[in-house]
N, C-alpha and C. Protein backbone atom coordinates (compact mmCIF):
# COMPACT_ATOMS: atom_id res chain seq x y z
N UNK A 1 0.85 -1.17 0.00
CA UNK A 1 0.00 0.00 0.00
C UNK A 1 0.90 1.24 0.00
N UNK A 2 0.62 2.16 -0.86
CA UNK A 2 1.35 3.42 -0.93
C UNK A 2 0.41 4.53 -0.51
N UNK A 3 0.85 5.34 0.44
CA UNK A 3 0.07 6.48 0.89
C UNK A 3 0.85 7.73 0.58
N UNK A 4 0.26 8.62 -0.17
CA UNK A 4 0.89 9.89 -0.51
C UNK A 4 0.20 11.00 0.26
N UNK A 5 0.97 11.88 0.81
CA UNK A 5 0.42 13.00 1.56
C UNK A 5 0.95 14.27 0.93
N UNK A 6 0.09 15.22 0.71
CA UNK A 6 0.52 16.50 0.19
C UNK A 6 -0.26 17.60 0.89
N UNK A 7 0.34 18.77 0.91
CA UNK A 7 -0.31 19.92 1.50
C UNK A 7 -0.47 20.96 0.41
N UNK A 8 -1.69 21.39 0.19
CA UNK A 8 -1.94 22.45 -0.77
C UNK A 8 -2.78 23.52 -0.11
N UNK A 9 -2.67 24.71 -0.60
CA UNK A 9 -3.50 25.78 -0.07
C UNK A 9 -4.52 26.14 -1.13
N UNK A 10 -5.75 26.17 -0.74
CA UNK A 10 -6.86 26.51 -1.62
C UNK A 10 -7.69 27.59 -0.95
N UNK A 11 -8.43 28.31 -1.75
CA UNK A 11 -9.36 29.28 -1.17
C UNK A 11 -10.50 28.50 -0.55
N UNK A 12 -10.53 28.45 0.76
CA UNK A 12 -11.56 27.74 1.48
C UNK A 12 -12.31 28.72 2.36
N UNK A 13 -13.52 28.38 2.74
CA UNK A 13 -14.29 29.30 3.57
C UNK A 13 -13.62 29.52 4.92
N UNK A 14 -13.56 30.77 5.37
CA UNK A 14 -13.02 31.08 6.68
C UNK A 14 -14.10 30.95 7.74
N UNK A 15 -15.34 31.08 7.36
CA UNK A 15 -16.47 30.92 8.25
C UNK A 15 -17.33 29.78 7.72
N UNK A 16 -18.29 29.37 8.51
CA UNK A 16 -19.16 28.29 8.06
C UNK A 16 -20.07 28.75 6.92
N UNK A 17 -20.35 27.81 6.02
CA UNK A 17 -21.26 28.06 4.90
C UNK A 17 -22.54 27.28 5.15
N UNK A 18 -23.66 27.96 5.27
CA UNK A 18 -24.93 27.26 5.47
C UNK A 18 -25.37 26.65 4.14
N UNK A 19 -25.63 25.34 4.18
CA UNK A 19 -26.04 24.63 2.98
C UNK A 19 -27.52 24.23 3.04
N UNK A 20 -28.03 23.95 4.23
CA UNK A 20 -29.41 23.52 4.30
C UNK A 20 -29.93 23.43 5.71
N UNK A 21 -31.10 22.81 5.82
CA UNK A 21 -31.78 22.64 7.10
C UNK A 21 -32.09 21.17 7.31
N UNK A 22 -32.20 20.80 8.58
CA UNK A 22 -32.50 19.43 8.95
C UNK A 22 -33.91 19.40 9.54
N UNK A 23 -34.78 18.63 8.90
CA UNK A 23 -36.16 18.49 9.37
C UNK A 23 -36.48 17.01 9.47
N UNK A 24 -36.92 16.59 10.64
CA UNK A 24 -37.25 15.18 10.87
C UNK A 24 -36.09 14.26 10.51
N UNK A 25 -34.86 14.71 10.82
CA UNK A 25 -33.68 13.89 10.57
C UNK A 25 -33.19 13.87 9.14
N UNK A 26 -33.84 14.60 8.24
CA UNK A 26 -33.48 14.60 6.83
C UNK A 26 -32.98 15.97 6.40
N UNK A 27 -31.96 15.97 5.54
CA UNK A 27 -31.39 17.20 5.02
C UNK A 27 -32.25 17.75 3.89
N UNK A 28 -32.55 19.04 3.98
CA UNK A 28 -33.15 19.77 2.88
C UNK A 28 -32.14 20.82 2.46
N UNK A 29 -31.59 20.68 1.26
CA UNK A 29 -30.61 21.65 0.77
C UNK A 29 -31.37 22.91 0.35
N UNK A 30 -31.11 24.00 1.07
CA UNK A 30 -31.79 25.27 0.79
C UNK A 30 -30.88 26.23 0.02
N UNK A 31 -29.59 25.94 0.01
CA UNK A 31 -28.62 26.80 -0.69
C UNK A 31 -27.85 25.97 -1.71
N UNK A 32 -28.58 25.43 -2.68
CA UNK A 32 -27.96 24.61 -3.72
C UNK A 32 -26.88 25.37 -4.46
N UNK A 33 -27.12 26.65 -4.75
CA UNK A 33 -26.13 27.45 -5.49
C UNK A 33 -24.83 27.58 -4.70
N UNK A 34 -24.92 27.73 -3.38
CA UNK A 34 -23.72 27.84 -2.54
C UNK A 34 -22.96 26.52 -2.54
N UNK A 35 -23.67 25.40 -2.40
CA UNK A 35 -23.04 24.08 -2.41
C UNK A 35 -22.35 23.83 -3.75
N UNK A 36 -23.06 24.08 -4.84
CA UNK A 36 -22.48 23.86 -6.17
C UNK A 36 -21.29 24.78 -6.41
N UNK A 37 -21.37 26.03 -5.96
CA UNK A 37 -20.25 26.98 -6.12
C UNK A 37 -19.04 26.49 -5.31
N UNK A 38 -19.27 25.97 -4.11
CA UNK A 38 -18.18 25.41 -3.31
C UNK A 38 -17.46 24.31 -4.08
N UNK A 39 -18.23 23.38 -4.68
CA UNK A 39 -17.63 22.29 -5.43
C UNK A 39 -16.93 22.78 -6.69
N UNK A 40 -17.55 23.68 -7.42
CA UNK A 40 -16.94 24.21 -8.66
C UNK A 40 -15.62 24.89 -8.33
N UNK A 41 -15.59 25.71 -7.28
CA UNK A 41 -14.34 26.35 -6.86
C UNK A 41 -13.31 25.30 -6.44
N UNK A 42 -13.75 24.31 -5.69
CA UNK A 42 -12.85 23.26 -5.23
C UNK A 42 -12.21 22.52 -6.41
N UNK A 43 -12.97 22.34 -7.47
CA UNK A 43 -12.49 21.64 -8.67
C UNK A 43 -11.71 22.56 -9.61
N UNK A 44 -11.42 23.77 -9.18
CA UNK A 44 -10.66 24.69 -10.02
C UNK A 44 -11.44 25.17 -11.24
N UNK A 45 -12.76 25.24 -11.06
CA UNK A 45 -13.66 25.66 -12.13
C UNK A 45 -13.51 24.81 -13.41
N UNK A 46 -13.19 23.54 -13.21
CA UNK A 46 -13.02 22.62 -14.33
C UNK A 46 -14.02 21.48 -14.19
N UNK A 47 -14.83 21.27 -15.22
CA UNK A 47 -15.79 20.18 -15.22
C UNK A 47 -17.19 20.64 -14.92
N UNK A 48 -18.11 19.69 -15.00
CA UNK A 48 -19.53 19.94 -14.79
C UNK A 48 -20.05 19.01 -13.71
N UNK A 49 -20.78 19.59 -12.75
CA UNK A 49 -21.40 18.77 -11.72
C UNK A 49 -22.66 18.12 -12.28
N UNK A 50 -22.90 16.86 -11.89
CA UNK A 50 -24.12 16.18 -12.29
C UNK A 50 -25.32 16.77 -11.56
N UNK A 51 -26.50 16.26 -11.88
CA UNK A 51 -27.73 16.79 -11.28
C UNK A 51 -28.15 16.04 -10.03
N UNK A 52 -27.69 14.80 -9.88
CA UNK A 52 -28.15 13.97 -8.77
C UNK A 52 -27.24 14.08 -7.56
N UNK A 53 -27.70 14.79 -6.54
CA UNK A 53 -26.98 14.89 -5.28
C UNK A 53 -27.22 13.61 -4.49
N UNK A 54 -26.15 12.94 -4.07
CA UNK A 54 -26.24 11.74 -3.25
C UNK A 54 -26.01 12.13 -1.79
N UNK A 55 -26.74 11.50 -0.87
CA UNK A 55 -26.69 11.86 0.55
C UNK A 55 -26.49 10.60 1.38
N UNK A 56 -25.57 10.69 2.37
CA UNK A 56 -25.35 9.59 3.32
C UNK A 56 -25.30 10.18 4.72
N UNK A 57 -26.19 9.70 5.61
CA UNK A 57 -26.32 10.24 6.97
C UNK A 57 -25.46 9.47 7.96
N UNK A 58 -24.87 10.19 8.92
CA UNK A 58 -24.14 9.53 10.01
C UNK A 58 -25.16 8.85 10.93
N UNK A 59 -24.75 7.78 11.62
CA UNK A 59 -25.69 7.09 12.52
C UNK A 59 -26.21 8.01 13.63
N UNK A 60 -25.38 8.97 14.06
CA UNK A 60 -25.78 9.87 15.14
C UNK A 60 -26.68 11.00 14.66
N UNK A 61 -26.83 11.11 13.34
CA UNK A 61 -27.64 12.19 12.73
C UNK A 61 -27.11 13.58 13.10
N UNK A 62 -25.76 13.69 13.18
CA UNK A 62 -25.12 14.98 13.46
C UNK A 62 -24.31 15.47 12.26
N UNK A 63 -24.16 14.60 11.26
CA UNK A 63 -23.40 14.93 10.07
C UNK A 63 -24.02 14.21 8.88
N UNK A 64 -23.70 14.73 7.70
CA UNK A 64 -24.16 14.09 6.48
C UNK A 64 -23.08 14.29 5.42
N UNK A 65 -22.85 13.29 4.59
CA UNK A 65 -21.90 13.40 3.50
C UNK A 65 -22.69 13.51 2.21
N UNK A 66 -22.44 14.57 1.43
CA UNK A 66 -23.16 14.78 0.18
C UNK A 66 -22.14 14.79 -0.96
N UNK A 67 -22.55 14.23 -2.11
CA UNK A 67 -21.63 14.23 -3.24
C UNK A 67 -22.37 14.23 -4.57
N UNK A 68 -21.66 14.79 -5.57
CA UNK A 68 -22.16 14.88 -6.94
C UNK A 68 -21.21 14.13 -7.86
N UNK A 69 -21.73 13.56 -8.96
CA UNK A 69 -20.84 13.09 -10.03
C UNK A 69 -20.28 14.31 -10.76
N UNK A 70 -19.11 14.13 -11.37
CA UNK A 70 -18.44 15.20 -12.11
C UNK A 70 -18.06 14.65 -13.48
N UNK A 71 -18.21 15.46 -14.52
CA UNK A 71 -17.75 15.07 -15.85
C UNK A 71 -16.91 16.21 -16.44
N UNK A 72 -15.98 15.84 -17.30
CA UNK A 72 -15.20 16.84 -18.03
C UNK A 72 -14.15 17.57 -17.20
N UNK A 73 -13.75 17.04 -16.06
CA UNK A 73 -12.75 17.71 -15.23
C UNK A 73 -11.35 17.45 -15.80
N UNK A 74 -10.52 18.50 -15.85
CA UNK A 74 -9.17 18.39 -16.42
C UNK A 74 -8.28 17.43 -15.63
N UNK A 75 -8.56 17.24 -14.34
CA UNK A 75 -7.77 16.34 -13.50
C UNK A 75 -8.40 14.96 -13.37
N UNK A 76 -9.42 14.68 -14.18
CA UNK A 76 -10.12 13.40 -14.23
C UNK A 76 -10.90 13.07 -12.96
N UNK A 77 -11.30 14.11 -12.21
CA UNK A 77 -12.18 13.90 -11.06
C UNK A 77 -13.54 13.48 -11.59
N UNK A 78 -14.09 12.39 -11.06
CA UNK A 78 -15.40 11.92 -11.53
C UNK A 78 -16.49 12.03 -10.46
N UNK A 79 -16.11 12.36 -9.21
CA UNK A 79 -17.10 12.69 -8.18
C UNK A 79 -16.42 13.49 -7.08
N UNK A 80 -17.21 14.34 -6.44
CA UNK A 80 -16.71 15.20 -5.38
C UNK A 80 -17.77 15.26 -4.28
N UNK A 81 -17.30 15.22 -3.03
CA UNK A 81 -18.25 15.27 -1.91
C UNK A 81 -17.68 16.03 -0.73
N UNK A 82 -18.56 16.42 0.18
CA UNK A 82 -18.17 17.13 1.38
C UNK A 82 -19.06 16.69 2.54
N UNK A 83 -18.48 16.66 3.73
CA UNK A 83 -19.26 16.34 4.92
C UNK A 83 -19.83 17.63 5.49
N UNK A 84 -21.12 17.64 5.71
CA UNK A 84 -21.79 18.78 6.33
C UNK A 84 -22.00 18.46 7.81
N UNK A 85 -21.89 19.48 8.64
CA UNK A 85 -22.05 19.32 10.08
C UNK A 85 -23.34 20.02 10.50
N UNK A 86 -24.14 19.36 11.33
CA UNK A 86 -25.39 19.94 11.81
C UNK A 86 -25.12 20.80 13.04
N UNK A 87 -25.64 22.01 13.02
CA UNK A 87 -25.61 22.90 14.17
C UNK A 87 -27.00 23.53 14.28
N UNK A 88 -27.71 23.25 15.37
CA UNK A 88 -29.05 23.80 15.60
C UNK A 88 -29.98 23.57 14.41
N UNK A 89 -30.04 22.32 13.94
CA UNK A 89 -30.92 21.91 12.83
C UNK A 89 -30.62 22.62 11.51
N UNK A 90 -29.37 23.04 11.34
CA UNK A 90 -28.92 23.59 10.06
C UNK A 90 -27.64 22.85 9.68
N UNK A 91 -27.41 22.68 8.37
CA UNK A 91 -26.26 21.94 7.87
C UNK A 91 -25.24 22.91 7.27
N UNK A 92 -23.98 22.76 7.69
CA UNK A 92 -22.93 23.69 7.31
C UNK A 92 -21.68 22.97 6.80
N UNK A 93 -20.95 23.65 5.93
CA UNK A 93 -19.55 23.34 5.67
C UNK A 93 -18.79 24.24 6.63
N UNK A 94 -17.97 23.63 7.50
CA UNK A 94 -17.29 24.44 8.51
C UNK A 94 -15.80 24.14 8.56
N UNK A 95 -15.01 25.14 8.95
CA UNK A 95 -13.59 24.89 9.19
C UNK A 95 -13.42 24.18 10.53
N UNK A 96 -12.31 23.55 10.70
CA UNK A 96 -12.00 22.86 11.95
C UNK A 96 -11.46 23.89 12.93
N UNK A 97 -12.35 24.61 13.56
CA UNK A 97 -11.94 25.67 14.48
C UNK A 97 -11.45 25.07 15.79
N UNK A 98 -10.36 25.60 16.36
CA UNK A 98 -9.81 25.02 17.57
C UNK A 98 -10.69 25.16 18.80
N UNK A 99 -11.69 26.02 18.80
CA UNK A 99 -12.52 26.21 19.99
C UNK A 99 -13.63 25.17 20.11
N UNK A 100 -13.74 24.23 19.15
CA UNK A 100 -14.73 23.16 19.27
C UNK A 100 -14.13 22.00 20.04
N UNK A 101 -14.95 21.34 20.84
CA UNK A 101 -14.49 20.16 21.57
C UNK A 101 -14.34 18.99 20.59
N UNK A 102 -13.24 18.24 20.66
CA UNK A 102 -13.08 17.09 19.77
C UNK A 102 -14.27 16.15 19.89
N UNK A 103 -14.80 15.74 18.77
CA UNK A 103 -15.94 14.82 18.75
C UNK A 103 -17.27 15.50 18.96
N UNK A 104 -17.25 16.78 19.32
CA UNK A 104 -18.50 17.51 19.51
C UNK A 104 -18.98 18.09 18.20
N UNK A 105 -20.06 18.82 18.22
CA UNK A 105 -20.54 19.43 16.99
C UNK A 105 -19.46 20.32 16.37
N UNK A 106 -19.05 19.95 15.18
CA UNK A 106 -18.00 20.70 14.50
C UNK A 106 -16.61 20.33 14.95
N UNK A 107 -16.49 19.35 15.83
CA UNK A 107 -15.19 18.98 16.36
C UNK A 107 -14.21 18.54 15.31
N UNK A 108 -14.69 17.95 14.25
CA UNK A 108 -13.79 17.49 13.20
C UNK A 108 -13.83 18.36 11.98
N UNK A 109 -14.70 19.32 11.93
CA UNK A 109 -14.81 20.16 10.75
C UNK A 109 -15.31 19.38 9.54
N UNK A 110 -15.32 20.04 8.40
CA UNK A 110 -15.77 19.42 7.16
C UNK A 110 -14.59 18.81 6.43
N UNK A 111 -14.83 17.71 5.78
CA UNK A 111 -13.82 17.04 4.96
C UNK A 111 -14.37 16.98 3.54
N UNK A 112 -13.50 17.25 2.56
CA UNK A 112 -13.89 17.20 1.15
C UNK A 112 -13.11 16.07 0.49
N UNK A 113 -13.81 15.26 -0.30
CA UNK A 113 -13.19 14.08 -0.92
C UNK A 113 -13.50 14.07 -2.41
N UNK A 114 -12.49 13.71 -3.21
CA UNK A 114 -12.70 13.52 -4.64
C UNK A 114 -12.25 12.11 -5.02
N UNK A 115 -12.88 11.57 -6.06
CA UNK A 115 -12.44 10.32 -6.68
C UNK A 115 -11.94 10.67 -8.08
N UNK A 116 -10.77 10.13 -8.41
CA UNK A 116 -10.11 10.47 -9.67
C UNK A 116 -9.86 9.19 -10.45
N UNK A 117 -10.34 9.14 -11.69
CA UNK A 117 -10.16 7.97 -12.53
C UNK A 117 -8.73 7.87 -13.03
N UNK A 118 -8.15 6.64 -12.91
CA UNK A 118 -6.75 6.49 -13.30
C UNK A 118 -6.49 5.07 -13.80
N UNK A 119 -6.85 4.64 -14.93
CA UNK A 119 -7.88 5.23 -15.78
C UNK A 119 -9.24 4.64 -15.45
N UNK A 120 -10.19 5.48 -15.29
CA UNK A 120 -11.58 5.07 -15.08
C UNK A 120 -12.43 6.29 -15.39
N UNK A 121 -13.43 6.12 -16.21
CA UNK A 121 -14.26 7.27 -16.58
C UNK A 121 -15.40 7.52 -15.61
N UNK A 122 -15.62 6.59 -14.67
CA UNK A 122 -16.75 6.76 -13.75
C UNK A 122 -16.46 6.12 -12.40
N UNK A 123 -15.63 6.80 -11.58
CA UNK A 123 -15.38 6.32 -10.22
C UNK A 123 -16.61 6.63 -9.37
N UNK A 124 -16.93 5.73 -8.47
CA UNK A 124 -18.07 5.93 -7.58
C UNK A 124 -17.62 5.94 -6.13
N UNK A 125 -18.28 6.76 -5.32
CA UNK A 125 -17.98 6.81 -3.88
C UNK A 125 -18.82 5.77 -3.15
N UNK A 126 -18.16 5.02 -2.27
CA UNK A 126 -18.82 4.08 -1.38
C UNK A 126 -18.61 4.61 0.03
N UNK A 127 -19.69 4.83 0.77
CA UNK A 127 -19.61 5.51 2.06
C UNK A 127 -20.18 4.62 3.16
N UNK A 128 -19.40 4.46 4.23
CA UNK A 128 -19.88 3.79 5.44
C UNK A 128 -19.52 4.68 6.63
N UNK A 129 -20.28 4.56 7.69
CA UNK A 129 -20.07 5.36 8.90
C UNK A 129 -19.73 4.43 10.07
N UNK A 130 -18.44 4.20 10.33
CA UNK A 130 -18.08 3.36 11.48
C UNK A 130 -18.47 4.04 12.79
N UNK A 131 -18.97 3.28 13.76
CA UNK A 131 -19.34 3.88 15.04
C UNK A 131 -18.14 4.56 15.70
N UNK A 132 -18.38 5.76 16.21
CA UNK A 132 -17.35 6.49 16.93
C UNK A 132 -16.41 7.32 16.07
N UNK A 133 -16.45 7.19 14.75
CA UNK A 133 -15.60 8.00 13.87
C UNK A 133 -16.31 9.29 13.51
N UNK A 134 -15.54 10.39 13.48
CA UNK A 134 -16.13 11.68 13.09
C UNK A 134 -16.44 11.71 11.61
N UNK A 135 -15.49 11.26 10.78
CA UNK A 135 -15.70 11.28 9.32
C UNK A 135 -16.05 9.86 8.86
N UNK A 136 -16.75 9.77 7.75
CA UNK A 136 -17.10 8.44 7.24
C UNK A 136 -15.89 7.78 6.58
N UNK A 137 -15.98 6.48 6.40
CA UNK A 137 -15.02 5.77 5.55
C UNK A 137 -15.53 5.91 4.13
N UNK A 138 -14.70 6.43 3.27
CA UNK A 138 -15.07 6.61 1.87
C UNK A 138 -14.05 5.88 1.01
N UNK A 139 -14.53 5.12 0.06
CA UNK A 139 -13.64 4.49 -0.90
C UNK A 139 -14.18 4.80 -2.29
N UNK A 140 -13.27 4.78 -3.25
CA UNK A 140 -13.64 5.04 -4.65
C UNK A 140 -13.47 3.74 -5.42
N UNK A 141 -14.46 3.40 -6.22
CA UNK A 141 -14.38 2.16 -6.98
C UNK A 141 -14.72 2.40 -8.44
N UNK A 142 -14.20 1.52 -9.29
CA UNK A 142 -14.42 1.61 -10.74
C UNK A 142 -15.05 0.30 -11.21
N UNK A 143 -16.08 0.40 -12.05
CA UNK A 143 -16.72 -0.79 -12.59
C UNK A 143 -15.87 -1.48 -13.65
N UNK A 144 -14.95 -0.74 -14.27
CA UNK A 144 -14.09 -1.28 -15.31
C UNK A 144 -12.97 -2.12 -14.66
N UNK A 145 -12.89 -3.42 -14.97
CA UNK A 145 -11.87 -4.26 -14.33
C UNK A 145 -10.44 -3.83 -14.67
N UNK A 146 -10.25 -3.08 -15.74
CA UNK A 146 -8.91 -2.62 -16.11
C UNK A 146 -8.59 -1.23 -15.56
N UNK A 147 -9.57 -0.60 -14.90
CA UNK A 147 -9.36 0.74 -14.38
C UNK A 147 -9.31 0.74 -12.87
N UNK A 148 -8.84 1.83 -12.31
CA UNK A 148 -8.91 2.01 -10.87
C UNK A 148 -9.04 3.50 -10.56
N UNK A 149 -9.33 3.78 -9.32
CA UNK A 149 -9.60 5.15 -8.91
C UNK A 149 -8.65 5.55 -7.78
N UNK A 150 -8.25 6.78 -7.79
CA UNK A 150 -7.50 7.37 -6.68
C UNK A 150 -8.44 8.28 -5.92
N UNK A 151 -8.11 8.56 -4.67
CA UNK A 151 -8.95 9.41 -3.84
C UNK A 151 -8.09 10.49 -3.22
N UNK A 152 -8.64 11.71 -3.14
CA UNK A 152 -7.96 12.77 -2.40
C UNK A 152 -8.89 13.25 -1.30
N UNK A 153 -8.30 13.58 -0.15
CA UNK A 153 -9.06 14.04 1.01
C UNK A 153 -8.47 15.37 1.45
N UNK A 154 -9.35 16.35 1.68
CA UNK A 154 -8.91 17.66 2.16
C UNK A 154 -9.73 18.02 3.39
N UNK A 155 -9.04 18.53 4.40
CA UNK A 155 -9.70 19.04 5.59
C UNK A 155 -9.66 20.55 5.54
N UNK A 156 -10.75 21.18 5.91
CA UNK A 156 -10.81 22.63 5.99
C UNK A 156 -10.39 23.02 7.40
N UNK A 157 -9.32 23.80 7.51
CA UNK A 157 -8.76 24.14 8.80
C UNK A 157 -8.55 25.65 8.89
N UNK A 158 -8.93 26.22 10.01
CA UNK A 158 -8.62 27.63 10.30
C UNK A 158 -7.27 27.68 11.00
N UNK A 159 -6.39 28.55 10.54
CA UNK A 159 -5.12 28.76 11.21
C UNK A 159 -4.99 30.25 11.49
N UNK A 160 -4.82 30.58 12.76
CA UNK A 160 -4.61 31.98 13.15
C UNK A 160 -3.13 32.20 13.38
N UNK A 161 -2.59 33.19 12.68
CA UNK A 161 -1.18 33.51 12.83
C UNK A 161 -1.08 34.89 13.42
N UNK A 162 -0.37 35.01 14.51
CA UNK A 162 -0.19 36.31 15.15
C UNK A 162 1.25 36.75 15.04
N UNK A 163 1.46 38.01 14.80
CA UNK A 163 2.81 38.57 14.77
C UNK A 163 3.03 39.36 16.03
N UNK A 164 4.15 39.16 16.64
CA UNK A 164 4.45 39.86 17.88
C UNK A 164 5.58 40.84 17.68
């Protein structure tokens, strides 16, 4: 198994982005344009998001992972997703702010995941929620026996730098 780690800086939200509301345990996306803009920016404005938003709920009903298929991306990304965190019956993309208690609401912040075909024209996300984990287990799979998929994971983190 080879694990590659890289650090990149991207324009990420400094504050939480409200994406929707939670009613009766179900997500209602009320800011579709904001969610789609987040993904388009994340993808470097390359490619087209599909129309079918997929949703996977955490067992605790405190988080949800949402993802779209992607086509035409220059980096061969075929799907992109983000974990939304529930705060007071609203769903947000949030940075991992240090003032949150680990494991509490927002304790892990939002995580963004992409699946990249190498070579595969249609990688799919498979999502499971292990008990006690803040983020879901996500894997990328390809239906083509000769293809495979790579996955990238990004955490949104606030860093405060002070000059003395």
